[in-house]
Amino acid sequence: MITQKTIIEIASVVIILIGLIFLYTLTGALHTWALPVLLVGVISWAIISPRRQFVERIAMGMIAFGIISLCQPLFMILYKTGFHILLSGTVGFIIVGHR
């Protein structure tokens, strides 16, 4: 049975995916909206999802990927988007840890 909470959780994940698409597009117009969209998705998913441990692990993975993206010297696109991923993962981890 699909409940209202499940629908909201799926919508939150879709918002996160849209934020990631905005983040990794080549046009600058969508890139400016990537962080707000990504943060709204991560915050709503961290609050709504009943799977606390899974969300916590995803958030830790985002933190690790953000740090790796900022420290690697090869790909400029990863360097440019690393802080957005790091911030989103940190916010998600803090929210999941305090609920």
N, C-alpha and C. Protein backbone atom coordinates (compact mmCIF):
# COMPACT_ATOMS: atom_id res chain seq x y z
N MET A 1 0.84 -1.19 0.00
CA MET A 1 0.00 0.00 0.00
C MET A 1 0.88 1.24 0.00
N ILE A 2 0.63 2.11 -0.92
CA ILE A 2 1.41 3.34 -1.01
C ILE A 2 0.71 4.40 -0.15
N THR A 3 1.44 4.88 0.84
CA THR A 3 0.88 5.89 1.74
C THR A 3 1.32 7.28 1.28
N GLN A 4 0.75 8.28 1.93
CA GLN A 4 1.11 9.65 1.61
C GLN A 4 2.58 9.93 1.95
N LYS A 5 3.06 9.32 3.02
CA LYS A 5 4.45 9.50 3.42
C LYS A 5 5.40 8.92 2.36
N THR A 6 5.03 7.79 1.78
CA THR A 6 5.85 7.18 0.74
C THR A 6 5.89 8.06 -0.51
N ILE A 7 4.76 8.63 -0.86
CA ILE A 7 4.72 9.52 -2.02
C ILE A 7 5.59 10.75 -1.80
N ILE A 8 5.54 11.32 -0.60
CA ILE A 8 6.37 12.48 -0.29
C ILE A 8 7.85 12.10 -0.29
N GLU A 9 8.17 10.91 0.19
CA GLU A 9 9.57 10.45 0.17
C GLU A 9 10.07 10.28 -1.26
N ILE A 10 9.25 9.71 -2.12
CA ILE A 10 9.63 9.55 -3.53
C ILE A 10 9.80 10.92 -4.19
N ALA A 11 8.90 11.85 -3.88
CA ALA A 11 9.01 13.20 -4.43
C ALA A 11 10.30 13.87 -3.97
N SER A 12 10.70 13.64 -2.73
CA SER A 12 11.95 14.22 -2.21
C SER A 12 13.16 13.68 -2.97
N VAL A 13 13.16 12.38 -3.24
CA VAL A 13 14.26 11.79 -3.99
C VAL A 13 14.28 12.33 -5.43
N VAL A 14 13.11 12.53 -6.02
CA VAL A 14 13.05 13.11 -7.37
C VAL A 14 13.59 14.53 -7.35
N ILE A 15 13.29 15.31 -6.31
CA ILE A 15 13.82 16.66 -6.20
C ILE A 15 15.34 16.63 -6.08
N ILE A 16 15.87 15.67 -5.32
CA ILE A 16 17.34 15.53 -5.22
C ILE A 16 17.94 15.23 -6.59
N LEU A 17 17.32 14.33 -7.32
CA LEU A 17 17.83 14.00 -8.66
C LEU A 17 17.77 15.19 -9.60
N ILE A 18 16.70 15.97 -9.52
CA ILE A 18 16.61 17.19 -10.34
C ILE A 18 17.72 18.16 -9.95
N GLY A 19 18.00 18.30 -8.65
CA GLY A 19 19.09 19.16 -8.21
C GLY A 19 20.44 18.70 -8.74
N LEU A 20 20.65 17.38 -8.76
CA LEU A 20 21.91 16.85 -9.31
C LEU A 20 22.00 17.09 -10.81
N ILE A 21 20.88 16.97 -11.51
CA ILE A 21 20.88 17.26 -12.95
C ILE A 21 21.21 18.73 -13.18
N PHE A 22 20.60 19.62 -12.38
CA PHE A 22 20.92 21.04 -12.49
C PHE A 22 22.39 21.30 -12.19
N LEU A 23 22.94 20.57 -11.24
CA LEU A 23 24.33 20.78 -10.81
C LEU A 23 25.32 20.39 -11.90
N TYR A 24 25.03 19.32 -12.62
CA TYR A 24 25.98 18.82 -13.60
C TYR A 24 25.62 19.17 -15.04
N THR A 25 24.72 20.14 -15.26
CA THR A 25 24.48 20.61 -16.62
C THR A 25 25.56 21.61 -17.00
N LEU A 26 25.73 21.82 -18.27
CA LEU A 26 26.80 22.69 -18.74
C LEU A 26 26.38 24.15 -18.80
N THR A 27 25.07 24.43 -18.73
CA THR A 27 24.62 25.82 -18.79
C THR A 27 24.64 26.43 -17.40
N GLY A 28 24.99 27.68 -17.33
CA GLY A 28 25.09 28.37 -16.05
C GLY A 28 23.76 28.70 -15.43
N ALA A 29 22.70 28.81 -16.24
CA ALA A 29 21.39 29.20 -15.72
C ALA A 29 20.83 28.15 -14.77
N LEU A 30 20.97 26.89 -15.11
CA LEU A 30 20.47 25.83 -14.24
C LEU A 30 21.40 25.60 -13.05
N HIS A 31 22.68 25.85 -13.23
CA HIS A 31 23.65 25.61 -12.17
C HIS A 31 23.41 26.50 -10.96
N THR A 32 22.88 27.70 -11.18
CA THR A 32 22.65 28.61 -10.05
C THR A 32 21.50 28.14 -9.17
N TRP A 33 20.59 27.36 -9.71
CA TRP A 33 19.47 26.85 -8.93
C TRP A 33 19.74 25.48 -8.34
N ALA A 34 20.88 24.90 -8.59
CA ALA A 34 21.15 23.53 -8.16
C ALA A 34 21.21 23.40 -6.63
N LEU A 35 21.91 24.29 -5.96
CA LEU A 35 22.06 24.17 -4.51
C LEU A 35 20.74 24.33 -3.77
N PRO A 36 19.91 25.34 -4.08
CA PRO A 36 18.62 25.41 -3.36
C PRO A 36 17.72 24.19 -3.60
N VAL A 37 17.68 23.71 -4.83
CA VAL A 37 16.84 22.54 -5.14
C VAL A 37 17.39 21.31 -4.42
N LEU A 38 18.70 21.15 -4.44
CA LEU A 38 19.33 20.00 -3.79
C LEU A 38 19.10 20.04 -2.28
N LEU A 39 19.22 21.21 -1.67
CA LEU A 39 19.01 21.32 -0.22
C LEU A 39 17.56 21.06 0.17
N VAL A 40 16.62 21.54 -0.62
CA VAL A 40 15.20 21.26 -0.33
C VAL A 40 14.94 19.77 -0.39
N GLY A 41 15.47 19.10 -1.38
CA GLY A 41 15.28 17.65 -1.50
C GLY A 41 15.92 16.88 -0.36
N VAL A 42 17.14 17.24 -0.01
CA VAL A 42 17.84 16.53 1.06
C VAL A 42 17.16 16.76 2.41
N ILE A 43 16.78 18.00 2.68
CA ILE A 43 16.13 18.31 3.96
C ILE A 43 14.79 17.58 4.07
N SER A 44 13.98 17.63 3.03
CA SER A 44 12.68 16.96 3.10
C SER A 44 12.83 15.44 3.19
N TRP A 45 13.82 14.88 2.50
CA TRP A 45 14.03 13.43 2.56
C TRP A 45 14.53 13.01 3.94
N ALA A 46 15.41 13.82 4.52
CA ALA A 46 15.94 13.48 5.84
C ALA A 46 14.86 13.57 6.92
N ILE A 47 13.91 14.47 6.75
CA ILE A 47 12.84 14.60 7.74
C ILE A 47 11.77 13.53 7.55
N ILE A 48 11.40 13.23 6.32
CA ILE A 48 10.27 12.36 6.02
C ILE A 48 10.62 10.87 6.10
N SER A 49 11.79 10.48 5.64
CA SER A 49 12.11 9.06 5.47
C SER A 49 12.14 8.30 6.79
N PRO A 50 11.47 7.16 6.84
CA PRO A 50 11.52 6.34 8.05
C PRO A 50 12.79 5.50 8.14
N ARG A 51 13.54 5.43 7.05
CA ARG A 51 14.78 4.63 7.03
C ARG A 51 15.95 5.52 7.43
N ARG A 52 16.10 5.71 8.72
CA ARG A 52 17.11 6.64 9.24
C ARG A 52 18.53 6.20 8.89
N GLN A 53 18.83 4.92 9.10
CA GLN A 53 20.19 4.44 8.87
C GLN A 53 20.58 4.55 7.39
N PHE A 54 19.65 4.29 6.48
CA PHE A 54 19.93 4.38 5.05
C PHE A 54 20.22 5.83 4.65
N VAL A 55 19.39 6.75 5.13
CA VAL A 55 19.59 8.17 4.81
C VAL A 55 20.91 8.65 5.40
N GLU A 56 21.24 8.18 6.60
CA GLU A 56 22.50 8.56 7.23
C GLU A 56 23.69 8.09 6.40
N ARG A 57 23.62 6.89 5.88
CA ARG A 57 24.72 6.37 5.05
C ARG A 57 24.84 7.12 3.73
N ILE A 58 23.72 7.45 3.13
CA ILE A 58 23.75 8.24 1.89
C ILE A 58 24.37 9.61 2.17
N ALA A 59 24.00 10.22 3.30
CA ALA A 59 24.55 11.53 3.66
C ALA A 59 26.07 11.43 3.89
N MET A 60 26.51 10.37 4.55
CA MET A 60 27.96 10.19 4.75
C MET A 60 28.67 9.97 3.42
N GLY A 61 28.03 9.26 2.50
CA GLY A 61 28.60 9.07 1.17
C GLY A 61 28.70 10.38 0.41
N MET A 62 27.69 11.24 0.57
CA MET A 62 27.74 12.56 -0.08
C MET A 62 28.87 13.40 0.52
N ILE A 63 29.06 13.32 1.83
CA ILE A 63 30.15 14.06 2.47
C ILE A 63 31.49 13.57 1.94
N ALA A 64 31.66 12.26 1.87
CA ALA A 64 32.93 11.70 1.38
C ALA A 64 33.16 12.07 -0.09
N PHE A 65 32.11 11.98 -0.91
CA PHE A 65 32.26 12.34 -2.32
C PHE A 65 32.57 13.82 -2.49
N GLY A 66 31.97 14.67 -1.65
CA GLY A 66 32.26 16.10 -1.71
C GLY A 66 33.70 16.42 -1.35
N ILE A 67 34.21 15.76 -0.33
CA ILE A 67 35.61 15.98 0.07
C ILE A 67 36.57 15.48 -1.01
N ILE A 68 36.27 14.30 -1.54
CA ILE A 68 37.12 13.75 -2.62
C ILE A 68 37.07 14.67 -3.84
N SER A 69 35.88 15.18 -4.16
CA SER A 69 35.75 16.08 -5.32
C SER A 69 36.56 17.36 -5.13
N LEU A 70 36.58 17.87 -3.92
CA LEU A 70 37.33 19.10 -3.67
C LEU A 70 38.84 18.88 -3.65
N CYS A 71 39.28 17.67 -3.33
CA CYS A 71 40.72 17.41 -3.20
C CYS A 71 41.37 16.85 -4.46
N GLN A 72 40.59 16.38 -5.40
CA GLN A 72 41.18 15.76 -6.59
C GLN A 72 41.62 16.85 -7.58
N PRO A 73 42.71 16.62 -8.30
CA PRO A 73 43.23 17.65 -9.20
C PRO A 73 42.89 17.45 -10.68
N LEU A 74 42.08 16.45 -11.03
CA LEU A 74 41.94 16.08 -12.43
C LEU A 74 40.75 16.71 -13.14
N PHE A 75 39.59 16.73 -12.52
CA PHE A 75 38.37 17.14 -13.20
C PHE A 75 37.83 18.42 -12.57
N MET A 76 37.75 19.47 -13.37
CA MET A 76 37.29 20.76 -12.85
C MET A 76 35.81 20.74 -12.47
N ILE A 77 34.98 19.97 -13.18
CA ILE A 77 33.55 19.91 -12.87
C ILE A 77 33.31 19.33 -11.49
N LEU A 78 34.12 18.35 -11.09
CA LEU A 78 33.98 17.80 -9.74
C LEU A 78 34.42 18.81 -8.69
N TYR A 79 35.45 19.57 -9.00
CA TYR A 79 35.91 20.60 -8.07
C TYR A 79 34.85 21.69 -7.89
N LYS A 80 34.21 22.07 -8.99
CA LYS A 80 33.19 23.13 -8.92
C LYS A 80 31.96 22.70 -8.15
N THR A 81 31.60 21.43 -8.22
CA THR A 81 30.37 20.95 -7.59
C THR A 81 30.62 20.25 -6.26
N GLY A 82 31.86 20.09 -5.87
CA GLY A 82 32.17 19.37 -4.64
C GLY A 82 31.61 20.02 -3.38
N PHE A 83 31.64 21.35 -3.31
CA PHE A 83 31.12 22.02 -2.12
C PHE A 83 29.62 21.84 -2.00
N HIS A 84 28.90 21.86 -3.13
CA HIS A 84 27.45 21.69 -3.09
C HIS A 84 27.09 20.30 -2.54
N ILE A 85 27.81 19.30 -3.00
CA ILE A 85 27.56 17.94 -2.53
C ILE A 85 27.94 17.81 -1.05
N LEU A 86 29.07 18.37 -0.68
CA LEU A 86 29.53 18.33 0.71
C LEU A 86 28.52 19.02 1.64
N LEU A 87 28.04 20.19 1.26
CA LEU A 87 27.08 20.91 2.09
C LEU A 87 25.75 20.16 2.19
N SER A 88 25.27 19.61 1.10
CA SER A 88 24.01 18.86 1.12
C SER A 88 24.12 17.62 2.01
N GLY A 89 25.23 16.90 1.90
CA GLY A 89 25.43 15.74 2.74
C GLY A 89 25.54 16.09 4.21
N THR A 90 26.21 17.20 4.51
CA THR A 90 26.35 17.63 5.90
C THR A 90 25.00 18.03 6.50
N VAL A 91 24.21 18.77 5.74
CA VAL A 91 22.88 19.18 6.22
C VAL A 91 22.00 17.95 6.43
N GLY A 92 22.02 17.02 5.49
CA GLY A 92 21.24 15.79 5.64
C GLY A 92 21.66 14.99 6.84
N PHE A 93 22.96 14.88 7.07
CA PHE A 93 23.47 14.11 8.21
C PHE A 93 23.07 14.77 9.53
N ILE A 94 23.16 16.08 9.61
CA ILE A 94 22.79 16.79 10.84
C ILE A 94 21.30 16.61 11.13
N ILE A 95 20.46 16.72 10.10
CA ILE A 95 19.03 16.58 10.32
C ILE A 95 18.67 15.16 10.74
N VAL A 96 19.24 14.17 10.09
CA VAL A 96 18.94 12.78 10.44
C VAL A 96 19.46 12.47 11.85
N GLY A 97 20.61 13.02 12.19
CA GLY A 97 21.18 12.76 13.51
C GLY A 97 20.40 13.40 14.66
N HIS A 98 19.60 14.41 14.35
CA HIS A 98 18.88 15.12 15.42
C HIS A 98 17.38 14.84 15.44
N ARG A 99 16.93 13.88 14.69
CA ARG A 99 15.48 13.61 14.77
C ARG A 99 15.18 12.38 15.57
